[in-house]
Amino acid sequence: MIGFNSQQKYYLHVEPVDMRKGLHSLCGVVRNELESEPTDGNVYIFFSRSYQTVKMLVWDKDGFVVYGKWLARGRFEKITSAIAEKKYELTYHYLIMLLSGVSLIGVKQRPRYKLN
């Protein structure tokens, strides 16, 4: 798989993560801190303490893929959760806006029909 789509679920790890972690360590964070299974096909998103770097972990049918982005200038927006959860679910569209530098503060999505 190359890329993401709106059919996947996206989970942001609320606390910053040491970006020296590789895919095995990130899998450990997913299992131990987020209490999820990294092979479930969901995308797990991790930001550095400085919010200049992001890593995204996803299981592709026969192995893990780690996507990364380091900003040469600027920072990603820090997402905080009003509830004391370790992970926060994002939609595909919000993820794209977040990675593109769009502020999610005050963004409101208009109601749309959703086929179950």
Protein backbone atom coordinates (compact mmCIF):
# COMPACT_ATOMS: atom_id res chain seq x y z
CA MET A 1 0.00 0.00 0.00
CA ILE A 2 1.24 3.43 -0.85
CA GLY A 3 -0.69 6.24 0.77
CA PHE A 4 -3.77 6.47 2.94
CA ASN A 5 -7.50 6.60 2.28
CA SER A 6 -10.73 7.62 3.97
CA GLN A 7 -11.66 3.99 4.70
CA GLN A 8 -8.90 3.64 7.29
CA LYS A 9 -9.04 4.76 10.91
CA TYR A 10 -6.42 7.22 12.17
CA TYR A 11 -5.29 7.31 15.79
CA LEU A 12 -3.07 10.06 17.13
CA HIS A 13 -0.92 9.26 20.15
CA VAL A 14 -1.66 12.31 22.30
CA GLU A 15 1.75 12.46 24.03
CA PRO A 16 4.94 13.20 22.07
CA VAL A 17 7.16 10.23 21.23
CA ASP A 18 10.93 9.93 20.96
CA MET A 19 11.54 10.00 17.20
CA ARG A 20 14.53 7.69 17.56
CA LYS A 21 11.99 4.89 17.92
CA GLY A 22 11.81 2.56 14.96
CA LEU A 23 8.93 0.41 13.82
CA HIS A 24 9.38 -2.26 16.52
CA SER A 25 9.37 0.33 19.31
CA LEU A 26 6.38 2.12 17.79
CA CYS A 27 4.53 -1.22 17.68
CA GLY A 28 5.29 -1.54 21.39
CA VAL A 29 3.79 1.91 22.02
CA VAL A 30 0.64 0.91 20.11
CA ARG A 31 0.28 -2.32 22.10
CA ASN A 32 1.29 -1.10 25.56
CA GLU A 33 0.13 2.51 25.67
CA LEU A 34 -2.70 2.65 23.16
CA GLU A 35 -3.89 -0.89 23.95
CA SER A 36 -4.40 -1.65 20.27
CA GLU A 37 -3.02 -4.17 17.82
CA PRO A 38 -0.65 -2.58 15.29
CA THR A 39 -1.59 -5.18 12.63
CA ASP A 40 -5.25 -4.07 12.57
CA GLY A 41 -4.81 -1.88 9.47
CA ASN A 42 -5.36 1.38 11.34
CA VAL A 43 -2.86 4.23 11.02
CA TYR A 44 -1.07 5.27 14.22
CA ILE A 45 0.33 8.81 14.29
CA PHE A 46 3.19 9.98 16.50
CA PHE A 47 4.62 13.48 16.89
CA SER A 48 7.98 14.53 18.30
CA ARG A 49 8.24 16.71 21.38
CA SER A 50 9.01 19.72 19.16
CA TYR A 51 6.11 18.93 16.79
CA GLN A 52 8.47 19.26 13.83
CA THR A 53 8.46 15.55 13.06
CA VAL A 54 5.66 13.04 12.55
CA LYS A 55 5.78 9.28 12.05
CA MET A 56 2.83 7.19 10.95
CA LEU A 57 2.74 3.42 11.40
CA VAL A 58 0.41 1.15 9.44
CA TRP A 59 0.25 -2.57 8.71
CA ASP A 60 0.27 -3.43 5.02
CA LYS A 61 -0.95 -6.94 4.22
CA ASP A 62 2.49 -8.49 4.70
CA GLY A 63 4.50 -6.01 6.77
CA PHE A 64 4.69 -2.65 8.48
CA VAL A 65 5.13 0.69 6.75
CA VAL A 66 6.45 3.73 8.59
CA TYR A 67 5.87 7.10 6.97
CA GLY A 68 7.75 10.11 8.27
CA LYS A 69 7.81 13.84 7.72
CA TRP A 70 10.24 16.37 9.14
CA LEU A 71 9.36 20.02 8.66
CA ALA A 72 12.25 22.19 7.52
CA ARG A 73 10.42 25.17 9.00
CA GLY A 74 7.43 25.51 11.30
CA ARG A 75 5.62 23.03 13.49
CA PHE A 76 2.61 20.76 13.33
CA GLU A 77 -0.36 21.81 15.41
CA LYS A 78 -0.49 20.19 18.83
CA ILE A 79 -3.73 18.26 19.27
CA THR A 80 -4.98 17.91 22.81
CA SER A 81 -7.87 15.81 23.97
CA ALA A 82 -10.45 17.10 26.43
CA ILE A 83 -10.74 13.59 27.81
CA ALA A 84 -7.86 11.76 29.46
CA GLU A 85 -7.24 9.35 26.60
CA LYS A 86 -3.89 8.28 25.21
CA LYS A 87 -5.19 8.23 21.65
CA TYR A 88 -7.39 10.55 19.65
CA GLU A 89 -9.21 9.47 16.50
CA LEU A 90 -8.83 11.72 13.47
CA THR A 91 -10.63 11.56 10.16
CA TYR A 92 -8.64 11.21 6.96
CA HIS A 93 -9.53 14.77 5.96
CA TYR A 94 -8.40 16.21 9.30
CA LEU A 95 -5.13 14.29 9.00
CA ILE A 96 -4.50 15.79 5.57
CA MET A 97 -5.23 19.29 6.90
CA LEU A 98 -2.98 18.72 9.92
CA LEU A 99 -0.10 17.52 7.73
CA SER A 100 -0.65 20.46 5.36
CA GLY A 101 -0.38 23.05 8.12
CA VAL A 102 -4.06 23.96 8.40
CA SER A 103 -5.10 24.83 11.95
CA LEU A 104 -7.84 22.53 13.21
CA ILE A 105 -8.89 24.97 15.93
CA GLY A 106 -12.37 26.13 15.09
CA VAL A 107 -12.71 23.83 12.09
CA LYS A 108 -16.21 22.42 11.96
CA GLN A 109 -17.41 19.86 9.48
CA ARG A 110 -20.91 20.26 8.16
CA PRO A 111 -23.21 17.24 8.54
CA ARG A 112 -22.96 14.66 5.78
CA TYR A 113 -24.72 11.39 5.10
CA LYS A 114 -22.61 8.45 6.20
CA LEU A 115 -23.27 4.98 4.82
CA ASN A 116 -22.61 2.35 7.48
